[in-house]
Each structure stands twice: as structure tokens, then as C-alpha cells.
PDB file of N, CA and C in Angstrom:
ATOM      1  N   MET A   1      -9.882 -21.759 -18.085  1.00  0.00           N
ATOM      2  CA  MET A   1     -10.074 -20.845 -16.958  1.00  0.00           C
ATOM      3  C   MET A   1     -10.239 -19.434 -17.501  1.00  0.00           C
ATOM      4  N   ARG A   2     -11.180 -18.716 -16.918  1.00  0.00           N
ATOM      5  CA  ARG A   2     -11.399 -17.312 -17.273  1.00  0.00           C
ATOM      6  C   ARG A   2     -11.305 -16.497 -16.000  1.00  0.00           C
ATOM      7  N   ILE A   3     -10.225 -15.754 -15.862  1.00  0.00           N
ATOM      8  CA  ILE A   3     -10.030 -14.906 -14.692  1.00  0.00           C
ATOM      9  C   ILE A   3     -10.888 -13.643 -14.842  1.00  0.00           C
ATOM     10  N   GLU A   4     -11.641 -13.317 -13.821  1.00  0.00           N
ATOM     11  CA  GLU A   4     -12.503 -12.145 -13.847  1.00  0.00           C
ATOM     12  C   GLU A   4     -11.799 -10.935 -13.262  1.00  0.00           C
ATOM     13  N   SER A   5     -10.994 -11.138 -12.218  1.00  0.00           N
ATOM     14  CA  SER A   5     -10.212 -10.033 -11.648  1.00  0.00           C
ATOM     15  C   SER A   5      -9.096 -10.613 -10.814  1.00  0.00           C
ATOM     16  N   LEU A   6      -8.123  -9.800 -10.539  1.00  0.00           N
ATOM     17  CA  LEU A   6      -6.989 -10.180  -9.708  1.00  0.00           C
ATOM     18  C   LEU A   6      -6.946  -9.195  -8.546  1.00  0.00           C
ATOM     19  N   LYS A   7      -6.931  -9.732  -7.314  1.00  0.00           N
ATOM     20  CA  LYS A   7      -6.970  -8.895  -6.125  1.00  0.00           C
ATOM     21  C   LYS A   7      -5.736  -9.158  -5.280  1.00  0.00           C
ATOM     22  N   TYR A   8      -5.201  -8.109  -4.698  1.00  0.00           N
ATOM     23  CA  TYR A   8      -4.068  -8.206  -3.794  1.00  0.00           C
ATOM     24  C   TYR A   8      -4.604  -8.004  -2.402  1.00  0.00           C
ATOM     25  N   MET A   9      -4.558  -9.036  -1.544  1.00  0.00           N
ATOM     26  CA  MET A   9      -5.215  -8.969  -0.239  1.00  0.00           C
ATOM     27  C   MET A   9      -4.220  -8.682   0.894  1.00  0.00           C
ATOM     28  N   LEU A  10      -4.617  -7.778   1.786  1.00  0.00           N
ATOM     29  CA  LEU A  10      -3.852  -7.454   2.992  1.00  0.00           C
ATOM     30  C   LEU A  10      -4.724  -7.697   4.211  1.00  0.00           C
ATOM     31  N   MET A  11      -4.111  -8.215   5.254  1.00  0.00           N
ATOM     32  CA  MET A  11      -4.841  -8.427   6.525  1.00  0.00           C
ATOM     33  C   MET A  11      -4.790  -7.134   7.333  1.00  0.00           C
ATOM     34  N   VAL A  12      -5.913  -6.789   7.960  1.00  0.00           N
ATOM     35  CA  VAL A  12      -5.985  -5.556   8.752  1.00  0.00           C
ATOM     36  C   VAL A  12      -6.658  -5.816  10.093  1.00  0.00           C
ATOM     37  N   GLN A  13      -6.252  -5.060  11.068  1.00  0.00           N
ATOM     38  CA  GLN A  13      -6.834  -5.137  12.416  1.00  0.00           C
ATOM     39  C   GLN A  13      -7.987  -4.155  12.569  1.00  0.00           C
ATOM     40  N   ASP A  14      -7.841  -2.962  11.980  1.00  0.00           N
ATOM     41  CA  ASP A  14      -8.828  -1.893  12.100  1.00  0.00           C
ATOM     42  C   ASP A  14      -9.265  -1.487  10.694  1.00  0.00           C
ATOM     43  N   MET A  15     -10.394  -1.992  10.237  1.00  0.00           N
ATOM     44  CA  MET A  15     -10.839  -1.782   8.852  1.00  0.00           C
ATOM     45  C   MET A  15     -11.020  -0.301   8.541  1.00  0.00           C
ATOM     46  N   ASP A  16     -11.659   0.463   9.415  1.00  0.00           N
ATOM     47  CA  ASP A  16     -11.868   1.880   9.124  1.00  0.00           C
ATOM     48  C   ASP A  16     -10.553   2.616   8.959  1.00  0.00           C
ATOM     49  N   ARG A  17      -9.581   2.352   9.833  1.00  0.00           N
ATOM     50  CA  ARG A  17      -8.272   2.988   9.750  1.00  0.00           C
ATOM     51  C   ARG A  17      -7.559   2.579   8.449  1.00  0.00           C
ATOM     52  N   ALA A  18      -7.633   1.298   8.097  1.00  0.00           N
ATOM     53  CA  ALA A  18      -6.974   0.817   6.880  1.00  0.00           C
ATOM     54  C   ALA A  18      -7.590   1.415   5.629  1.00  0.00           C
ATOM     55  N   VAL A  19      -8.923   1.444   5.568  1.00  0.00           N
ATOM     56  CA  VAL A  19      -9.592   2.033   4.409  1.00  0.00           C
ATOM     57  C   VAL A  19      -9.236   3.514   4.305  1.00  0.00           C
ATOM     58  N   ALA A  20      -9.266   4.233   5.402  1.00  0.00           N
ATOM     59  CA  ALA A  20      -8.930   5.663   5.387  1.00  0.00           C
ATOM     60  C   ALA A  20      -7.500   5.880   4.886  1.00  0.00           C
ATOM     61  N   PHE A  21      -6.545   5.036   5.308  1.00  0.00           N
ATOM     62  CA  PHE A  21      -5.150   5.175   4.885  1.00  0.00           C
ATOM     63  C   PHE A  21      -5.027   4.957   3.372  1.00  0.00           C
ATOM     64  N   TYR A  22      -5.558   3.874   2.865  1.00  0.00           N
ATOM     65  CA  TYR A  22      -5.411   3.579   1.438  1.00  0.00           C
ATOM     66  C   TYR A  22      -6.246   4.516   0.567  1.00  0.00           C
ATOM     67  N   ARG A  23      -7.338   5.065   1.098  1.00  0.00           N
ATOM     68  CA  ARG A  23      -8.164   6.018   0.362  1.00  0.00           C
ATOM     69  C   ARG A  23      -7.526   7.413   0.416  1.00  0.00           C
ATOM     70  N   ASP A  24      -7.298   7.912   1.616  1.00  0.00           N
ATOM     71  CA  ASP A  24      -6.910   9.323   1.805  1.00  0.00           C
ATOM     72  C   ASP A  24      -5.429   9.581   1.604  1.00  0.00           C
ATOM     73  N   VAL A  25      -4.590   8.618   1.953  1.00  0.00           N
ATOM     74  CA  VAL A  25      -3.146   8.825   1.853  1.00  0.00           C
ATOM     75  C   VAL A  25      -2.591   8.273   0.550  1.00  0.00           C
ATOM     76  N   VAL A  26      -2.895   7.018   0.235  1.00  0.00           N
ATOM     77  CA  VAL A  26      -2.384   6.395  -0.973  1.00  0.00           C
ATOM     78  C   VAL A  26      -3.165   6.842  -2.222  1.00  0.00           C
ATOM     79  N   GLY A  27      -4.450   7.125  -2.062  1.00  0.00           N
ATOM     80  CA  GLY A  27      -5.240   7.634  -3.165  1.00  0.00           C
ATOM     81  C   GLY A  27      -6.034   6.590  -3.935  1.00  0.00           C
ATOM     82  N   LEU A  28      -6.298   5.451  -3.326  1.00  0.00           N
ATOM     83  CA  LEU A  28      -7.104   4.441  -3.982  1.00  0.00           C
ATOM     84  C   LEU A  28      -8.595   4.782  -3.842  1.00  0.00           C
ATOM     85  N   LYS A  29      -9.387   4.282  -4.775  1.00  0.00           N
ATOM     86  CA  LYS A  29     -10.836   4.515  -4.764  1.00  0.00           C
ATOM     87  C   LYS A  29     -11.518   3.350  -4.051  1.00  0.00           C
ATOM     88  N   VAL A  30     -12.427   3.649  -3.131  1.00  0.00           N
ATOM     89  CA  VAL A  30     -13.155   2.615  -2.423  1.00  0.00           C
ATOM     90  C   VAL A  30     -14.255   2.055  -3.327  1.00  0.00           C
ATOM     91  N   ASN A  31     -14.161   0.756  -3.613  1.00  0.00           N
ATOM     92  CA  ASN A  31     -15.212   0.080  -4.393  1.00  0.00           C
ATOM     93  C   ASN A  31     -16.276  -0.487  -3.474  1.00  0.00           C
ATOM     94  N   SER A  32     -15.841  -1.014  -2.328  1.00  0.00           N
ATOM     95  CA  SER A  32     -16.777  -1.552  -1.342  1.00  0.00           C
ATOM     96  C   SER A  32     -16.105  -1.563   0.024  1.00  0.00           C
ATOM     97  N   GLN A  33     -16.951  -1.492   1.076  1.00  0.00           N
ATOM     98  CA  GLN A  33     -16.383  -1.497   2.435  1.00  0.00           C
ATOM     99  C   GLN A  33     -17.338  -2.191   3.377  1.00  0.00           C
ATOM    100  N   SER A  34     -16.779  -3.098   4.172  1.00  0.00           N
ATOM    101  CA  SER A  34     -17.534  -3.762   5.240  1.00  0.00           C
ATOM    102  C   SER A  34     -16.530  -4.091   6.355  1.00  0.00           C
ATOM    103  N   PRO A  35     -16.997  -4.493   7.527  1.00  0.00           N
ATOM    104  CA  PRO A  35     -16.084  -4.735   8.649  1.00  0.00           C
ATOM    105  C   PRO A  35     -15.026  -5.802   8.385  1.00  0.00           C
ATOM    106  N   MET A  36     -15.325  -6.809   7.523  1.00  0.00           N
ATOM    107  CA  MET A  36     -14.357  -7.893   7.305  1.00  0.00           C
ATOM    108  C   MET A  36     -13.768  -7.938   5.906  1.00  0.00           C
ATOM    109  N   TRP A  37     -14.318  -7.180   4.955  1.00  0.00           N
ATOM    110  CA  TRP A  37     -13.785  -7.221   3.587  1.00  0.00           C
ATOM    111  C   TRP A  37     -14.077  -5.895   2.896  1.00  0.00           C
ATOM    112  N   SER A  38     -13.025  -5.246   2.424  1.00  0.00           N
ATOM    113  CA  SER A  38     -13.161  -4.007   1.674  1.00  0.00           C
ATOM    114  C   SER A  38     -12.296  -4.095   0.445  1.00  0.00           C
ATOM    115  N   GLU A  39     -12.701  -3.424  -0.622  1.00  0.00           N
ATOM    116  CA  GLU A  39     -11.911  -3.383  -1.844  1.00  0.00           C
ATOM    117  C   GLU A  39     -11.710  -1.967  -2.285  1.00  0.00           C
ATOM    118  N   LEU A  40     -10.430  -1.641  -2.588  1.00  0.00           N
ATOM    119  CA  LEU A  40     -10.051  -0.345  -3.092  1.00  0.00           C
ATOM    120  C   LEU A  40      -9.306  -0.555  -4.391  1.00  0.00           C
ATOM    121  N   ALA A  41      -9.369   0.423  -5.282  1.00  0.00           N
ATOM    122  CA  ALA A  41      -8.803   0.211  -6.617  1.00  0.00           C
ATOM    123  C   ALA A  41      -8.073   1.425  -7.147  1.00  0.00           C
ATOM    124  N   HIS A  42      -7.178   1.135  -8.086  1.00  0.00           N
ATOM    125  CA  HIS A  42      -6.565   2.131  -8.957  1.00  0.00           C
ATOM    126  C   HIS A  42      -6.639   1.496 -10.342  1.00  0.00           C
ATOM    127  N   GLY A  43      -7.479   2.033 -11.189  1.00  0.00           N
ATOM    128  CA  GLY A  43      -7.717   1.385 -12.472  1.00  0.00           C
ATOM    129  C   GLY A  43      -8.284  -0.005 -12.261  1.00  0.00           C
ATOM    130  N   ASP A  44      -7.682  -0.998 -12.891  1.00  0.00           N
ATOM    131  CA  ASP A  44      -8.130  -2.383 -12.745  1.00  0.00           C
ATOM    132  C   ASP A  44      -7.462  -3.090 -11.572  1.00  0.00           C
ATOM    133  N   ALA A  45      -6.476  -2.461 -10.916  1.00  0.00           N
ATOM    134  CA  ALA A  45      -5.777  -3.077  -9.803  1.00  0.00           C
ATOM    135  C   ALA A  45      -6.625  -2.925  -8.539  1.00  0.00           C
ATOM    136  N   VAL A  46      -6.795  -4.038  -7.803  1.00  0.00           N
ATOM    137  CA  VAL A  46      -7.615  -4.044  -6.592  1.00  0.00           C
ATOM    138  C   VAL A  46      -6.767  -4.439  -5.391  1.00  0.00           C
ATOM    139  N   VAL A  47      -6.829  -3.635  -4.332  1.00  0.00           N
ATOM    140  CA  VAL A  47      -6.270  -3.999  -3.051  1.00  0.00           C
ATOM    141  C   VAL A  47      -7.457  -4.334  -2.155  1.00  0.00           C
ATOM    142  N   ALA A  48      -7.510  -5.596  -1.720  1.00  0.00           N
ATOM    143  CA  ALA A  48      -8.579  -6.049  -0.853  1.00  0.00           C
ATOM    144  C   ALA A  48      -8.050  -6.080   0.584  1.00  0.00           C
ATOM    145  N   LEU A  49      -8.855  -5.590   1.509  1.00  0.00           N
ATOM    146  CA  LEU A  49      -8.485  -5.578   2.924  1.00  0.00           C
ATOM    147  C   LEU A  49      -9.368  -6.577   3.653  1.00  0.00           C
ATOM    148  N   HIS A  50      -8.740  -7.489   4.374  1.00  0.00           N
ATOM    149  CA  HIS A  50      -9.466  -8.576   5.082  1.00  0.00           C
ATOM    150  C   HIS A  50      -9.293  -8.364   6.581  1.00  0.00           C
ATOM    151  N   GLY A  51     -10.385  -8.309   7.307  1.00  0.00           N
ATOM    152  CA  GLY A  51     -10.335  -8.151   8.754  1.00  0.00           C
ATOM    153  C   GLY A  51      -9.714  -9.359   9.418  1.00  0.00           C
ATOM    154  N   GLY A  52      -9.275  -9.184  10.660  1.00  0.00           N
ATOM    155  CA  GLY A  52      -8.710 -10.278  11.424  1.00  0.00           C
ATOM    156  C   GLY A  52      -7.205 -10.245  11.572  1.00  0.00           C
ATOM    157  N   GLY A  53      -6.559  -9.191  11.039  1.00  0.00           N
ATOM    158  CA  GLY A  53      -5.119  -9.063  11.197  1.00  0.00           C
ATOM    159  C   GLY A  53      -4.770  -8.776  12.635  1.00  0.00           C
ATOM    160  N   ASN A  54      -3.502  -9.006  12.991  1.00  0.00           N
ATOM    161  CA  ASN A  54      -3.085  -8.765  14.383  1.00  0.00           C
ATOM    162  C   ASN A  54      -2.200  -7.540  14.544  1.00  0.00           C
ATOM    163  N   GLY A  55      -1.905  -6.828  13.469  1.00  0.00           N
ATOM    164  CA  GLY A  55      -1.093  -5.599  13.559  1.00  0.00           C
ATOM    165  C   GLY A  55       0.398  -5.830  13.520  1.00  0.00           C
ATOM    166  N   ASP A  56       0.853  -7.092  13.502  1.00  0.00           N
ATOM    167  CA  ASP A  56       2.286  -7.357  13.408  1.00  0.00           C
ATOM    168  C   ASP A  56       2.780  -6.988  12.012  1.00  0.00           C
ATOM    169  N   PHE A  57       4.097  -6.714  11.888  1.00  0.00           N
ATOM    170  CA  PHE A  57       4.659  -6.425  10.562  1.00  0.00           C
ATOM    171  C   PHE A  57       4.483  -7.634   9.652  1.00  0.00           C
ATOM    172  N   ASN A  58       3.980  -7.380   8.453  1.00  0.00           N
ATOM    173  CA  ASN A  58       3.702  -8.427   7.481  1.00  0.00           C
ATOM    174  C   ASN A  58       4.230  -7.991   6.121  1.00  0.00           C
ATOM    175  N   PRO A  59       5.386  -8.525   5.694  1.00  0.00           N
ATOM    176  CA  PRO A  59       5.853  -8.183   4.331  1.00  0.00           C
ATOM    177  C   PRO A  59       4.873  -8.720   3.296  1.00  0.00           C
ATOM    178  N   THR A  60       4.523  -7.913   2.307  1.00  0.00           N
ATOM    179  CA  THR A  60       3.475  -8.309   1.391  1.00  0.00           C
ATOM    180  C   THR A  60       3.888  -8.439  -0.072  1.00  0.00           C
ATOM    181  N   GLY A  61       4.881  -7.702  -0.508  1.00  0.00           N
ATOM    182  CA  GLY A  61       5.228  -7.685  -1.925  1.00  0.00           C
ATOM    183  C   GLY A  61       4.463  -6.633  -2.706  1.00  0.00           C
ATOM    184  N   LEU A  62       3.510  -5.921  -2.072  1.00  0.00           N
ATOM    185  CA  LEU A  62       2.788  -4.849  -2.732  1.00  0.00           C
ATOM    186  C   LEU A  62       3.761  -3.706  -3.043  1.00  0.00           C
ATOM    187  N   SER A  63       3.668  -3.167  -4.261  1.00  0.00           N
ATOM    188  CA  SER A  63       4.547  -2.062  -4.644  1.00  0.00           C
ATOM    189  C   SER A  63       3.733  -1.018  -5.392  1.00  0.00           C
ATOM    190  N   VAL A  64       4.014   0.246  -5.133  1.00  0.00           N
ATOM    191  CA  VAL A  64       3.324   1.362  -5.777  1.00  0.00           C
ATOM    192  C   VAL A  64       4.388   2.239  -6.400  1.00  0.00           C
ATOM    193  N   GLN A  65       4.260   2.556  -7.687  1.00  0.00           N
ATOM    194  CA  GLN A  65       5.196   3.465  -8.357  1.00  0.00           C
ATOM    195  C   GLN A  65       4.589   4.857  -8.380  1.00  0.00           C
ATOM    196  N   VAL A  66       5.383   5.865  -7.998  1.00  0.00           N
ATOM    197  CA  VAL A  66       4.943   7.260  -7.934  1.00  0.00           C
ATOM    198  C   VAL A  66       5.925   8.133  -8.706  1.00  0.00           C
ATOM    199  N   SER A  67       5.554   9.385  -8.945  1.00  0.00           N
ATOM    200  CA  SER A  67       6.431  10.285  -9.672  1.00  0.00           C
ATOM    201  C   SER A  67       7.486  10.943  -8.783  1.00  0.00           C
ATOM    202  N   ASP A  68       7.237  11.041  -7.475  1.00  0.00           N
ATOM    203  CA  ASP A  68       8.186  11.650  -6.539  1.00  0.00           C
ATOM    204  C   ASP A  68       8.150  10.860  -5.228  1.00  0.00           C
ATOM    205  N   VAL A  69       9.084   9.920  -5.067  1.00  0.00           N
ATOM    206  CA  VAL A  69       9.034   9.004  -3.930  1.00  0.00           C
ATOM    207  C   VAL A  69       9.328   9.699  -2.611  1.00  0.00           C
ATOM    208  N   GLU A  70      10.185  10.746  -2.602  1.00  0.00           N
ATOM    209  CA  GLU A  70      10.461  11.440  -1.351  1.00  0.00           C
ATOM    210  C   GLU A  70       9.211  12.134  -0.798  1.00  0.00           C
ATOM    211  N   SER A  71       8.498  12.874  -1.653  1.00  0.00           N
ATOM    212  CA  SER A  71       7.308  13.552  -1.166  1.00  0.00           C
ATOM    213  C   SER A  71       6.194  12.550  -0.833  1.00  0.00           C
ATOM    214  N   ALA A  72       6.115  11.457  -1.601  1.00  0.00           N
ATOM    215  CA  ALA A  72       5.119  10.423  -1.304  1.00  0.00           C
ATOM    216  C   ALA A  72       5.398   9.795   0.069  1.00  0.00           C
ATOM    217  N   CYS A  73       6.665   9.557   0.397  1.00  0.00           N
ATOM    218  CA  CYS A  73       7.002   9.007   1.697  1.00  0.00           C
ATOM    219  C   CYS A  73       6.606   9.943   2.833  1.00  0.00           C
ATOM    220  N   ALA A  74       6.787  11.234   2.595  1.00  0.00           N
ATOM    221  CA  ALA A  74       6.377  12.217   3.607  1.00  0.00           C
ATOM    222  C   ALA A  74       4.864  12.146   3.820  1.00  0.00           C
ATOM    223  N   GLU A  75       4.103  11.980   2.739  1.00  0.00           N
ATOM    224  CA  GLU A  75       2.654  11.840   2.860  1.00  0.00           C
ATOM    225  C   GLU A  75       2.274  10.570   3.607  1.00  0.00           C
ATOM    226  N   ILE A  76       2.980   9.482   3.327  1.00  0.00           N
ATOM    227  CA  ILE A  76       2.720   8.210   4.007  1.00  0.00           C
ATOM    228  C   ILE A  76       2.945   8.375   5.500  1.00  0.00           C
ATOM    229  N   GLU A  77       4.044   9.001   5.884  1.00  0.00           N
ATOM    230  CA  GLU A  77       4.368   9.179   7.308  1.00  0.00           C
ATOM    231  C   GLU A  77       3.349  10.080   7.979  1.00  0.00           C
ATOM    232  N   THR A  78       2.990  11.189   7.324  1.00  0.00           N
ATOM    233  CA  THR A  78       1.983  12.100   7.876  1.00  0.00           C
ATOM    234  C   THR A  78       0.633  11.396   8.045  1.00  0.00           C
ATOM    235  N   GLY A  79       0.338  10.476   7.133  1.00  0.00           N
ATOM    236  CA  GLY A  79      -0.923   9.779   7.158  1.00  0.00           C
ATOM    237  C   GLY A  79      -0.959   8.552   8.081  1.00  0.00           C
ATOM    238  N   GLY A  80       0.107   8.352   8.867  1.00  0.00           N
ATOM    239  CA  GLY A  80       0.073   7.250   9.825  1.00  0.00           C
ATOM    240  C   GLY A  80       0.906   6.039   9.449  1.00  0.00           C
ATOM    241  N   GLY A  81       1.515   6.043   8.275  1.00  0.00           N
ATOM    242  CA  GLY A  81       2.361   4.933   7.859  1.00  0.00           C
ATOM    243  C   GLY A  81       3.763   5.084   8.439  1.00  0.00           C
ATOM    244  N   LEU A  82       4.592   4.087   8.227  1.00  0.00           N
ATOM    245  CA  LEU A  82       5.954   4.040   8.761  1.00  0.00           C
ATOM    246  C   LEU A  82       6.944   3.910   7.629  1.00  0.00           C
ATOM    247  N   ILE A  83       8.008   4.714   7.668  1.00  0.00           N
ATOM    248  CA  ILE A  83       9.100   4.589   6.711  1.00  0.00           C
ATOM    249  C   ILE A  83      10.084   3.606   7.312  1.00  0.00           C
ATOM    250  N   ARG A  84      10.161   2.395   6.775  1.00  0.00           N
ATOM    251  CA  ARG A  84      11.091   1.384   7.293  1.00  0.00           C
ATOM    252  C   ARG A  84      12.479   1.553   6.674  1.00  0.00           C
ATOM    253  N   LYS A  85      12.538   2.011   5.437  1.00  0.00           N
ATOM    254  CA  LYS A  85      13.809   2.297   4.766  1.00  0.00           C
ATOM    255  C   LYS A  85      13.580   3.463   3.820  1.00  0.00           C
ATOM    256  N   ALA A  86      14.320   4.556   4.035  1.00  0.00           N
ATOM    257  CA  ALA A  86      14.144   5.770   3.232  1.00  0.00           C
ATOM    258  C   ALA A  86      14.450   5.488   1.753  1.00  0.00           C
ATOM    259  N   PRO A  87      13.892   6.303   0.859  1.00  0.00           N
ATOM    260  CA  PRO A  87      14.147   6.105  -0.577  1.00  0.00           C
ATOM    261  C   PRO A  87      15.631   6.149  -0.890  1.00  0.00           C
ATOM    262  N   GLY A  88      16.035   5.241  -1.754  1.00  0.00           N
ATOM    263  CA  GLY A  88      17.429   5.204  -2.205  1.00  0.00           C
ATOM    264  C   GLY A  88      17.514   4.579  -3.574  1.00  0.00           C
ATOM    265  N   ASN A  89      18.577   4.942  -4.280  1.00  0.00           N
ATOM    266  CA  ASN A  89      18.810   4.374  -5.604  1.00  0.00           C
ATOM    267  C   ASN A  89      19.171   2.911  -5.478  1.00  0.00           C
ATOM    268  N   ARG A  90      18.745   2.137  -6.466  1.00  0.00           N
ATOM    269  CA  ARG A  90      19.019   0.692  -6.479  1.00  0.00           C
ATOM    270  C   ARG A  90      20.121   0.437  -7.516  1.00  0.00           C
ATOM    271  N   PRO A  91      21.255  -0.118  -7.112  1.00  0.00           N
ATOM    272  CA  PRO A  91      22.325  -0.427  -8.060  1.00  0.00           C
ATOM    273  C   PRO A  91      21.816  -1.348  -9.169  1.00  0.00           C
ATOM    274  N   GLY A  92      22.034  -0.932 -10.410  1.00  0.00           N
ATOM    275  CA  GLY A  92      21.632  -1.729 -11.560  1.00  0.00           C
ATOM    276  C   GLY A  92      20.166  -1.638 -11.918  1.00  0.00           C
ATOM    277  N   GLU A  93      19.403  -0.846 -11.185  1.00  0.00           N
ATOM    278  CA  GLU A  93      17.983  -0.682 -11.468  1.00  0.00           C
ATOM    279  C   GLU A  93      17.669   0.796 -11.638  1.00  0.00           C
ATOM    280  N   PRO A  94      16.774   1.158 -12.555  1.00  0.00           N
ATOM    281  CA  PRO A  94      16.469   2.559 -12.797  1.00  0.00           C
ATOM    282  C   PRO A  94      15.402   3.132 -11.863  1.00  0.00           C
ATOM    283  N   ILE A  95      15.500   2.796 -10.566  1.00  0.00           N
ATOM    284  CA  ILE A  95      14.483   3.263  -9.628  1.00  0.00           C
ATOM    285  C   ILE A  95      15.108   3.744  -8.321  1.00  0.00           C
ATOM    286  N   LYS A  96      14.362   4.600  -7.616  1.00  0.00           N
ATOM    287  CA  LYS A  96      14.579   4.872  -6.203  1.00  0.00           C
ATOM    288  C   LYS A  96      13.526   4.066  -5.493  1.00  0.00           C
ATOM    289  N   LEU A  97      13.896   3.393  -4.393  1.00  0.00           N
ATOM    290  CA  LEU A  97      12.974   2.492  -3.720  1.00  0.00           C
ATOM    291  C   LEU A  97      12.918   2.795  -2.232  1.00  0.00           C
ATOM    292  N   ALA A  98      11.717   2.810  -1.669  1.00  0.00           N
ATOM    293  CA  ALA A  98      11.505   2.978  -0.232  1.00  0.00           C
ATOM    294  C   ALA A  98      10.730   1.770   0.277  1.00  0.00           C
ATOM    295  N   GLU A  99      10.995   1.384   1.525  1.00  0.00           N
ATOM    296  CA  GLU A  99      10.254   0.309   2.167  1.00  0.00           C
ATOM    297  C   GLU A  99       9.391   0.933   3.265  1.00  0.00           C
ATOM    298  N   LEU A 100       8.099   0.658   3.234  1.00  0.00           N
ATOM    299  CA  LEU A 100       7.136   1.302   4.114  1.00  0.00           C
ATOM    300  C   LEU A 100       6.268   0.273   4.819  1.00  0.00           C
ATOM    301  N   ALA A 101       5.471   0.724   5.777  1.00  0.00           N
ATOM    302  CA  ALA A 101       4.437  -0.105   6.376  1.00  0.00           C
ATOM    303  C   ALA A 101       3.212   0.761   6.597  1.00  0.00           C
ATOM    304  N   ASP A 102       2.034   0.161   6.352  1.00  0.00           N
ATOM    305  CA  ASP A 102       0.791   0.875   6.617  1.00  0.00           C
ATOM    306  C   ASP A 102       0.486   0.824   8.117  1.00  0.00           C
ATOM    307  N   PRO A 103      -0.531   1.534   8.597  1.00  0.00           N
ATOM    308  CA  PRO A 103      -0.819   1.539  10.033  1.00  0.00           C
ATOM    309  C   PRO A 103      -1.216   0.173  10.589  1.00  0.00           C
ATOM    310  N   GLU A 104      -1.484  -0.783   9.719  1.00  0.00           N
ATOM    311  CA  GLU A 104      -1.870  -2.132  10.129  1.00  0.00           C
ATOM    312  C   GLU A 104      -0.675  -3.076  10.218  1.00  0.00           C
ATOM    313  N   GLY A 105       0.540  -2.586   9.852  1.00  0.00           N
ATOM    314  CA  GLY A 105       1.728  -3.427   9.890  1.00  0.00           C
ATOM    315  C   GLY A 105       2.052  -4.101   8.567  1.00  0.00           C
ATOM    316  N   ASN A 106       1.266  -3.849   7.510  1.00  0.00           N
ATOM    317  CA  ASN A 106       1.545  -4.451   6.198  1.00  0.00           C
ATOM    318  C   ASN A 106       2.660  -3.693   5.488  1.00  0.00           C
ATOM    319  N   GLY A 107       3.745  -4.376   5.214  1.00  0.00           N
ATOM    320  CA  GLY A 107       4.866  -3.752   4.514  1.00  0.00           C
ATOM    321  C   GLY A 107       4.565  -3.617   3.041  1.00  0.00           C
ATOM    322  N   PHE A 108       5.030  -2.520   2.439  1.00  0.00           N
ATOM    323  CA  PHE A 108       4.904  -2.375   0.998  1.00  0.00           C
ATOM    324  C   PHE A 108       6.046  -1.496   0.516  1.00  0.00           C
ATOM    325  N   MET A 109       6.274  -1.505  -0.778  1.00  0.00           N
ATOM    326  CA  MET A 109       7.342  -0.711  -1.367  1.00  0.00           C
ATOM    327  C   MET A 109       6.755   0.418  -2.192  1.00  0.00           C
ATOM    328  N   MET A 110       7.523   1.477  -2.300  1.00  0.00           N
ATOM    329  CA  MET A 110       7.141   2.585  -3.140  1.00  0.00           C
ATOM    330  C   MET A 110       8.369   2.937  -3.955  1.00  0.00           C
ATOM    331  N   SER A 111       8.201   3.102  -5.252  1.00  0.00           N
ATOM    332  CA  SER A 111       9.341   3.379  -6.111  1.00  0.00           C
ATOM    333  C   SER A 111       9.053   4.589  -7.009  1.00  0.00           C
ATOM    334  N   GLU A 112      10.170   5.150  -7.499  1.00  0.00           N
ATOM    335  CA  GLU A 112      10.129   6.226  -8.492  1.00  0.00           C
ATOM    336  C   GLU A 112      11.049   5.822  -9.627  1.00  0.00           C
ATOM    337  N   TYR A 113      10.541   5.840 -10.852  1.00  0.00           N
ATOM    338  CA  TYR A 113      11.379   5.532 -12.017  1.00  0.00           C
ATOM    339  C   TYR A 113      12.297   6.713 -12.257  1.00  0.00           C
ATOM    340  N   VAL A 114      13.604   6.441 -12.336  1.00  0.00           N
ATOM    341  CA  VAL A 114      14.566   7.522 -12.553  1.00  0.00           C
ATOM    342  C   VAL A 114      15.331   7.331 -13.862  1.00  0.00           C
ATOM    343  N   GLY A 115      14.904   6.406 -14.660  1.00  0.00           N
ATOM    344  CA  GLY A 115      15.298   6.232 -16.014  1.00  0.00           C
ATOM    345  C   GLY A 115      16.574   5.769 -16.448  1.00  0.00           C
TER     346      GLY A 115
END
């Protein structure tokens, strides 16, 4: 088997809103966009957005590490996302972790390495 790429797919109800959130708020680069399938990237990592979502909360396992999780959470909220759990230190782990949701209901985590 030869893997060509690895994509992390999220279901979305409103493709334009989802692409704008991941492009303008999270900072991913749009590789392609269509009503039912869009791909955004950071380096080799691809987040694919698939139309047909219903907007319900959907835990995904997607995680983004940033240099300042508190200010990043403020940007997420300003950009239409939801802070489900404010950033906090994790016992036994060298990170601060926040639980968030995008405007489509997809849950994701954001962390800051605190060493």
C-alpha cells in the first residue's frame, strides 16, 4: 500500500460558513472548494469538509496546537465558534487544553504546550 495523503474529514451543513471559519479564523489554506467537498490545509495536514451535516454537536478528535490558547479561544469565539470548555492545565500532561466547536457543531480541541 502506498498512501498518497491523509485527510481529516468533518461534516458541515453550510460549506461557505465552514470554509470561512477554517480559513479566516483557524488560518488554514483553501486547497479546493465546492458545495459538497472542500479541502483546507496546514502544511501536509488536510481538513476536508463534506456537505450534508445536520449541525448537531459532533465530537471529532481533531486537535490544533497553538502558542497561546487563551487568545486563540477568543479568536474562535469572535469568529463564530463555541468554547465548550475553557483552557485549563491537564494533570500529568504538559499542556493547557480547551474544548471547542466550530459553527457547524464539530467539536475539536485546542492546546498550548506549557512544557
